[in-house]
Amino acid sequence: MCIRDRSFVYDCIERQEHASISASDQGQGKMIVVLEAPSLHDTQNMIDSLKAIKGVVSATMVYHHSEPASELNQPLYEHVS
């Protein structure tokens, strides 16, 4: 995401539910924002809301990952003896 007024945009994003700033480059005005949503449609709506923040020049999805809800309680790796 590319921004102009970093502090205003940062505050707006931090107030949004299920959005967090994972990295930023203050000199360039760029941020990496992680969004968590139940569906791709909801994720796109969240991106649209980021684009609507005054000072945001652009917001684009770079990576998307999803898992079935049934898999969320499974261990990542099974220990084999």
N, C-alpha and C. Protein backbone atom coordinates (compact mmCIF):
# COMPACT_ATOMS: atom_id res chain seq x y z
N MET A 1 0.85 -1.16 0.00
CA MET A 1 0.00 0.00 0.00
C MET A 1 0.90 1.23 0.00
N CYS A 2 0.59 2.21 -0.82
CA CYS A 2 1.33 3.45 -0.93
C CYS A 2 0.52 4.57 -0.27
N ILE A 3 1.16 5.40 0.55
CA ILE A 3 0.42 6.42 1.29
C ILE A 3 1.12 7.78 1.21
N ARG A 4 0.35 8.81 1.52
CA ARG A 4 0.92 10.17 1.57
C ARG A 4 1.04 10.66 3.01
N ASP A 5 -0.03 10.59 3.81
CA ASP A 5 -0.02 11.07 5.19
C ASP A 5 0.04 9.87 6.11
N ARG A 6 1.25 9.44 6.42
CA ARG A 6 1.47 8.18 7.13
C ARG A 6 0.75 8.11 8.47
N SER A 7 0.85 9.12 9.31
CA SER A 7 0.28 9.04 10.66
C SER A 7 -1.24 8.92 10.62
N PHE A 8 -1.89 9.68 9.77
CA PHE A 8 -3.36 9.61 9.66
C PHE A 8 -3.78 8.23 9.16
N VAL A 9 -3.13 7.75 8.12
CA VAL A 9 -3.46 6.44 7.54
C VAL A 9 -3.17 5.33 8.54
N TYR A 10 -2.03 5.41 9.22
CA TYR A 10 -1.67 4.40 10.22
C TYR A 10 -2.76 4.30 11.28
N ASP A 11 -3.23 5.44 11.79
CA ASP A 11 -4.28 5.45 12.81
C ASP A 11 -5.58 4.85 12.28
N CYS A 12 -5.94 5.16 11.06
CA CYS A 12 -7.17 4.63 10.46
C CYS A 12 -7.10 3.11 10.33
N ILE A 13 -5.95 2.59 9.91
CA ILE A 13 -5.80 1.15 9.74
C ILE A 13 -5.82 0.44 11.09
N GLU A 14 -5.13 1.00 12.06
CA GLU A 14 -5.07 0.38 13.39
C GLU A 14 -6.46 0.30 14.04
N ARG A 15 -7.36 1.18 13.67
CA ARG A 15 -8.72 1.16 14.22
C ARG A 15 -9.62 0.14 13.52
N GLN A 16 -9.20 -0.36 12.37
CA GLN A 16 -10.02 -1.32 11.63
C GLN A 16 -9.88 -2.71 12.22
N GLU A 17 -11.01 -3.37 12.38
CA GLU A 17 -11.02 -4.72 12.89
C GLU A 17 -10.42 -5.67 11.85
N HIS A 18 -9.61 -6.60 12.28
CA HIS A 18 -9.00 -7.63 11.42
C HIS A 18 -7.98 -7.08 10.44
N ALA A 19 -7.39 -5.95 10.76
CA ALA A 19 -6.32 -5.38 9.93
C ALA A 19 -5.16 -5.02 10.84
N SER A 20 -3.94 -5.34 10.41
CA SER A 20 -2.77 -4.96 11.19
C SER A 20 -1.63 -4.59 10.24
N ILE A 21 -0.85 -3.62 10.68
CA ILE A 21 0.31 -3.20 9.89
C ILE A 21 1.48 -4.07 10.30
N SER A 22 1.98 -4.83 9.35
CA SER A 22 3.06 -5.76 9.67
C SER A 22 4.44 -5.18 9.36
N ALA A 23 4.52 -4.21 8.47
CA ALA A 23 5.80 -3.55 8.15
C ALA A 23 5.50 -2.21 7.50
N SER A 24 6.44 -1.29 7.65
CA SER A 24 6.30 0.00 6.97
C SER A 24 7.68 0.57 6.68
N ASP A 25 7.73 1.34 5.62
CA ASP A 25 8.95 2.03 5.22
C ASP A 25 8.63 3.52 5.28
N GLN A 26 8.94 4.13 6.40
CA GLN A 26 8.54 5.52 6.62
C GLN A 26 9.09 6.47 5.57
N GLY A 27 10.28 6.20 5.09
CA GLY A 27 10.88 7.07 4.09
C GLY A 27 10.16 7.05 2.77
N GLN A 28 9.62 5.89 2.38
CA GLN A 28 8.92 5.75 1.11
C GLN A 28 7.41 5.89 1.25
N GLY A 29 6.90 5.79 2.47
CA GLY A 29 5.47 5.87 2.68
C GLY A 29 4.74 4.60 2.30
N LYS A 30 5.42 3.45 2.40
CA LYS A 30 4.79 2.18 2.05
C LYS A 30 4.52 1.37 3.31
N MET A 31 3.44 0.58 3.26
CA MET A 31 3.08 -0.29 4.38
C MET A 31 2.66 -1.64 3.86
N ILE A 32 2.91 -2.66 4.67
CA ILE A 32 2.34 -3.98 4.43
C ILE A 32 1.27 -4.17 5.49
N VAL A 33 0.05 -4.39 5.03
CA VAL A 33 -1.08 -4.55 5.94
C VAL A 33 -1.61 -5.97 5.79
N VAL A 34 -1.74 -6.67 6.91
CA VAL A 34 -2.28 -8.03 6.92
C VAL A 34 -3.76 -7.94 7.25
N LEU A 35 -4.58 -8.55 6.40
CA LEU A 35 -6.03 -8.58 6.61
C LEU A 35 -6.46 -10.01 6.87
N GLU A 36 -7.36 -10.20 7.83
CA GLU A 36 -7.93 -11.51 8.09
C GLU A 36 -9.44 -11.40 7.91
N ALA A 37 -9.99 -12.22 7.04
CA ALA A 37 -11.42 -12.17 6.76
C ALA A 37 -11.92 -13.57 6.45
N PRO A 38 -13.21 -13.81 6.67
CA PRO A 38 -13.76 -15.15 6.44
C PRO A 38 -13.90 -15.53 4.97
N SER A 39 -13.84 -14.58 4.07
CA SER A 39 -14.01 -14.90 2.64
C SER A 39 -13.21 -13.93 1.79
N LEU A 40 -12.99 -14.33 0.55
CA LEU A 40 -12.29 -13.46 -0.39
C LEU A 40 -13.10 -12.19 -0.65
N HIS A 41 -14.42 -12.33 -0.69
CA HIS A 41 -15.30 -11.17 -0.87
C HIS A 41 -15.11 -10.16 0.26
N ASP A 42 -15.06 -10.65 1.51
CA ASP A 42 -14.85 -9.76 2.65
C ASP A 42 -13.46 -9.12 2.59
N THR A 43 -12.47 -9.88 2.15
CA THR A 43 -11.13 -9.33 2.00
C THR A 43 -11.12 -8.19 0.99
N GLN A 44 -11.80 -8.39 -0.13
CA GLN A 44 -11.86 -7.33 -1.15
C GLN A 44 -12.57 -6.09 -0.62
N ASN A 45 -13.62 -6.30 0.17
CA ASN A 45 -14.31 -5.15 0.79
C ASN A 45 -13.38 -4.40 1.72
N MET A 46 -12.54 -5.13 2.46
CA MET A 46 -11.58 -4.49 3.36
C MET A 46 -10.54 -3.70 2.56
N ILE A 47 -10.09 -4.26 1.44
CA ILE A 47 -9.13 -3.54 0.59
C ILE A 47 -9.77 -2.27 0.04
N ASP A 48 -11.03 -2.37 -0.37
CA ASP A 48 -11.75 -1.18 -0.86
C ASP A 48 -11.85 -0.11 0.23
N SER A 49 -12.06 -0.54 1.48
CA SER A 49 -12.14 0.44 2.57
C SER A 49 -10.77 1.09 2.83
N LEU A 50 -9.68 0.32 2.64
CA LEU A 50 -8.34 0.91 2.77
C LEU A 50 -8.11 1.95 1.68
N LYS A 51 -8.54 1.63 0.47
CA LYS A 51 -8.37 2.57 -0.65
C LYS A 51 -9.14 3.87 -0.41
N ALA A 52 -10.23 3.80 0.37
CA ALA A 52 -11.07 4.97 0.61
C ALA A 52 -10.50 5.90 1.68
N ILE A 53 -9.46 5.47 2.40
CA ILE A 53 -8.86 6.31 3.43
C ILE A 53 -8.12 7.46 2.77
N LYS A 54 -8.40 8.67 3.22
CA LYS A 54 -7.74 9.85 2.67
C LYS A 54 -6.23 9.73 2.88
N GLY A 55 -5.48 9.88 1.81
CA GLY A 55 -4.03 9.77 1.87
C GLY A 55 -3.50 8.47 1.29
N VAL A 56 -4.36 7.47 1.11
CA VAL A 56 -3.92 6.21 0.51
C VAL A 56 -3.87 6.40 -1.00
N VAL A 57 -2.72 6.13 -1.58
CA VAL A 57 -2.56 6.27 -3.02
C VAL A 57 -2.98 4.98 -3.72
N SER A 58 -2.62 3.82 -3.14
CA SER A 58 -3.03 2.55 -3.72
C SER A 58 -3.02 1.46 -2.66
N ALA A 59 -3.81 0.43 -2.88
CA ALA A 59 -3.84 -0.75 -2.02
C ALA A 59 -4.14 -1.94 -2.92
N THR A 60 -3.28 -2.94 -2.89
CA THR A 60 -3.39 -4.09 -3.78
C THR A 60 -3.13 -5.37 -3.00
N MET A 61 -3.91 -6.42 -3.30
CA MET A 61 -3.64 -7.71 -2.70
C MET A 61 -2.43 -8.32 -3.38
N VAL A 62 -1.46 -8.73 -2.58
CA VAL A 62 -0.24 -9.33 -3.13
C VAL A 62 -0.24 -10.83 -2.91
N TYR A 63 -0.83 -11.27 -1.82
CA TYR A 63 -0.82 -12.69 -1.48
C TYR A 63 -2.14 -13.03 -0.81
N HIS A 64 -2.65 -14.22 -1.10
CA HIS A 64 -3.91 -14.69 -0.50
C HIS A 64 -3.73 -16.12 -0.06
N HIS A 65 -4.15 -16.44 1.15
CA HIS A 65 -4.06 -17.80 1.67
C HIS A 65 -5.36 -18.12 2.39
N SER A 66 -5.87 -19.32 2.19
CA SER A 66 -7.08 -19.73 2.91
C SER A 66 -6.99 -21.20 3.25
N GLU A 67 -7.69 -21.55 4.31
CA GLU A 67 -7.77 -22.94 4.76
C GLU A 67 -9.21 -23.23 5.14
N PRO A 68 -9.64 -24.47 4.99
CA PRO A 68 -10.97 -24.83 5.47
C PRO A 68 -11.02 -24.68 6.99
N ALA A 69 -12.13 -24.23 7.52
CA ALA A 69 -12.27 -24.03 8.96
C ALA A 69 -11.98 -25.31 9.74
N SER A 70 -12.30 -26.46 9.16
CA SER A 70 -12.07 -27.73 9.85
C SER A 70 -10.58 -28.02 10.08
N GLU A 71 -9.71 -27.38 9.32
CA GLU A 71 -8.27 -27.61 9.44
C GLU A 71 -7.60 -26.71 10.48
N LEU A 72 -8.30 -25.70 10.95
CA LEU A 72 -7.66 -24.71 11.82
C LEU A 72 -7.24 -25.27 13.17
N ASN A 73 -7.88 -26.32 13.65
CA ASN A 73 -7.53 -26.91 14.95
C ASN A 73 -6.57 -28.08 14.82
N GLN A 74 -6.12 -28.39 13.63
CA GLN A 74 -5.20 -29.50 13.40
C GLN A 74 -3.76 -29.02 13.64
N PRO A 75 -2.91 -29.90 14.19
CA PRO A 75 -1.50 -29.51 14.35
C PRO A 75 -0.84 -29.33 12.99
N LEU A 76 0.11 -28.43 12.92
CA LEU A 76 0.81 -28.19 11.66
C LEU A 76 1.65 -29.39 11.25
N TYR A 77 2.31 -29.99 12.21
CA TYR A 77 3.16 -31.13 11.95
C TYR A 77 2.90 -32.20 13.00
N GLU A 78 2.92 -33.44 12.57
CA GLU A 78 2.80 -34.54 13.52
C GLU A 78 4.19 -35.06 13.82
N HIS A 79 4.46 -35.26 15.09
CA HIS A 79 5.77 -35.76 15.52
C HIS A 79 5.81 -37.27 15.29
N VAL A 80 6.77 -37.70 14.52
CA VAL A 80 6.93 -39.13 14.23
C VAL A 80 8.15 -39.63 14.98
N SER A 81 7.97 -40.69 15.75
CA SER A 81 9.09 -41.25 16.54
C SER A 81 9.84 -42.28 15.75
